[in-house]
């Protein structure tokens, strides 16, 4: 059972602004989410039923899992000091 991966346009834009080596590492982690929706180091975000984050160095990938339709949506990619700000 493999999940479909969706990445918001804003997350793609955030990823494109990052330095190349970091962007490459983050891309590998995002690709891996299709096979393992709970990768090493993931954490469930408080106050939500289906929002998670995974660390990649000083950066965070925020994503939502929709089990009913088998979709993972990458919502945000940002530095740890900025990622949780609204």
C-alpha atoms as a PDB file:
ATOM      1  CA  UNK A   1       0.000   0.000   0.000  1.00  0.00           C
ATOM      2  CA  UNK A   2       1.793   3.101  -1.256  1.00  0.00           C
ATOM      3  CA  UNK A   3       0.677   6.620  -0.542  1.00  0.00           C
ATOM      4  CA  UNK A   4       0.410   9.308  -3.206  1.00  0.00           C
ATOM      5  CA  UNK A   5       2.653  12.297  -2.502  1.00  0.00           C
ATOM      6  CA  UNK A   6       1.493  15.877  -2.980  1.00  0.00           C
ATOM      7  CA  UNK A   7       3.622  18.934  -2.347  1.00  0.00           C
ATOM      8  CA  UNK A   8       2.055  22.373  -1.953  1.00  0.00           C
ATOM      9  CA  UNK A   9       3.332  25.063  -4.337  1.00  0.00           C
ATOM     10  CA  UNK A  10       4.508  27.112  -1.360  1.00  0.00           C
ATOM     11  CA  UNK A  11       6.622  24.157  -0.136  1.00  0.00           C
ATOM     12  CA  UNK A  12       8.196  23.755  -3.588  1.00  0.00           C
ATOM     13  CA  UNK A  13       9.039  27.466  -3.567  1.00  0.00           C
ATOM     14  CA  UNK A  14      10.587  27.173  -0.083  1.00  0.00           C
ATOM     15  CA  UNK A  15      12.642  24.175  -1.222  1.00  0.00           C
ATOM     16  CA  UNK A  16      13.928  26.018  -4.310  1.00  0.00           C
ATOM     17  CA  UNK A  17      15.316  28.848  -2.138  1.00  0.00           C
ATOM     18  CA  UNK A  18      17.466  26.524  -0.019  1.00  0.00           C
ATOM     19  CA  UNK A  19      21.163  25.785  -0.645  1.00  0.00           C
ATOM     20  CA  UNK A  20      21.634  22.895  -3.090  1.00  0.00           C
ATOM     21  CA  UNK A  21      23.114  20.302  -0.640  1.00  0.00           C
ATOM     22  CA  UNK A  22      20.302  20.833   1.879  1.00  0.00           C
ATOM     23  CA  UNK A  23      17.619  20.824  -0.818  1.00  0.00           C
ATOM     24  CA  UNK A  24      18.966  17.488  -2.091  1.00  0.00           C
ATOM     25  CA  UNK A  25      18.824  15.920   1.393  1.00  0.00           C
ATOM     26  CA  UNK A  26      15.283  17.214   1.933  1.00  0.00           C
ATOM     27  CA  UNK A  27      14.163  15.908  -1.473  1.00  0.00           C
ATOM     28  CA  UNK A  28      15.432  12.421  -0.594  1.00  0.00           C
ATOM     29  CA  UNK A  29      13.473  12.444   2.665  1.00  0.00           C
ATOM     30  CA  UNK A  30      10.315  13.628   0.873  1.00  0.00           C
ATOM     31  CA  UNK A  31      10.674  10.858  -1.745  1.00  0.00           C
ATOM     32  CA  UNK A  32      11.098   8.338   1.072  1.00  0.00           C
ATOM     33  CA  UNK A  33       7.770   9.381   2.613  1.00  0.00           C
ATOM     34  CA  UNK A  34       5.959   7.431  -0.137  1.00  0.00           C
ATOM     35  CA  UNK A  35       7.353   4.150   1.178  1.00  0.00           C
ATOM     36  CA  UNK A  36       7.646   4.969   4.886  1.00  0.00           C
ATOM     37  CA  UNK A  37       5.143   7.564   6.118  1.00  0.00           C
ATOM     38  CA  UNK A  38       6.746   7.497   9.567  1.00  0.00           C
ATOM     39  CA  UNK A  39      10.494   7.908   8.847  1.00  0.00           C
ATOM     40  CA  UNK A  40      13.180   7.839  11.510  1.00  0.00           C
ATOM     41  CA  UNK A  41      12.936  10.942  13.666  1.00  0.00           C
ATOM     42  CA  UNK A  42       9.342  11.862  12.783  1.00  0.00           C
ATOM     43  CA  UNK A  43       7.094  13.492  15.394  1.00  0.00           C
ATOM     44  CA  UNK A  44       3.360  14.021  15.560  1.00  0.00           C
ATOM     45  CA  UNK A  45       2.434  17.675  15.984  1.00  0.00           C
ATOM     46  CA  UNK A  46       0.333  18.540  19.019  1.00  0.00           C
ATOM     47  CA  UNK A  47      -3.195  19.817  18.450  1.00  0.00           C
ATOM     48  CA  UNK A  48      -3.724  17.906  15.211  1.00  0.00           C
ATOM     49  CA  UNK A  49      -4.821  14.417  14.277  1.00  0.00           C
ATOM     50  CA  UNK A  50      -2.827  13.989  11.077  1.00  0.00           C
ATOM     51  CA  UNK A  51       0.058  16.525  11.037  1.00  0.00           C
ATOM     52  CA  UNK A  52       3.671  15.410  11.443  1.00  0.00           C
ATOM     53  CA  UNK A  53       7.185  16.763  11.072  1.00  0.00           C
ATOM     54  CA  UNK A  54      10.520  15.240  10.253  1.00  0.00           C
ATOM     55  CA  UNK A  55      13.940  16.793  10.857  1.00  0.00           C
ATOM     56  CA  UNK A  56      16.609  17.212   8.206  1.00  0.00           C
ATOM     57  CA  UNK A  57      19.509  18.969   9.904  1.00  0.00           C
ATOM     58  CA  UNK A  58      18.310  22.421  10.986  1.00  0.00           C
ATOM     59  CA  UNK A  59      15.304  22.204   8.665  1.00  0.00           C
ATOM     60  CA  UNK A  60      11.863  20.718   9.170  1.00  0.00           C
ATOM     61  CA  UNK A  61       9.399  19.153   6.749  1.00  0.00           C
ATOM     62  CA  UNK A  62       5.787  19.518   7.888  1.00  0.00           C
ATOM     63  CA  UNK A  63       3.360  17.069   6.318  1.00  0.00           C
ATOM     64  CA  UNK A  64      -0.167  15.731   6.681  1.00  0.00           C
ATOM     65  CA  UNK A  65      -1.265  12.127   6.247  1.00  0.00           C
ATOM     66  CA  UNK A  66      -4.750  11.458   4.888  1.00  0.00           C
ATOM     67  CA  UNK A  67      -5.264   7.720   5.492  1.00  0.00           C
ATOM     68  CA  UNK A  68      -8.757   7.633   4.012  1.00  0.00           C
ATOM     69  CA  UNK A  69      -7.501   8.579   0.520  1.00  0.00           C
ATOM     70  CA  UNK A  70      -3.842   7.426   0.875  1.00  0.00           C
ATOM     71  CA  UNK A  71      -2.337  10.880   0.355  1.00  0.00           C
ATOM     72  CA  UNK A  72       0.656  12.526   2.008  1.00  0.00           C
ATOM     73  CA  UNK A  73       0.734  16.300   1.587  1.00  0.00           C
ATOM     74  CA  UNK A  74       3.962  18.196   2.245  1.00  0.00           C
ATOM     75  CA  UNK A  75       2.741  21.497   3.692  1.00  0.00           C
ATOM     76  CA  UNK A  76       5.883  23.415   4.613  1.00  0.00           C
ATOM     77  CA  UNK A  77       9.674  23.235   4.452  1.00  0.00           C
ATOM     78  CA  UNK A  78      11.596  25.768   6.538  1.00  0.00           C
ATOM     79  CA  UNK A  79      14.406  26.388   9.008  1.00  0.00           C
ATOM     80  CA  UNK A  80      13.570  25.247  12.521  1.00  0.00           C
ATOM     81  CA  UNK A  81      13.419  28.820  13.839  1.00  0.00           C
ATOM     82  CA  UNK A  82      10.746  29.780  11.276  1.00  0.00           C
ATOM     83  CA  UNK A  83       8.798  26.607  10.555  1.00  0.00           C
ATOM     84  CA  UNK A  84       6.094  26.859  13.243  1.00  0.00           C
ATOM     85  CA  UNK A  85       5.319  30.555  12.760  1.00  0.00           C
ATOM     86  CA  UNK A  86       1.962  31.296  11.151  1.00  0.00           C
END
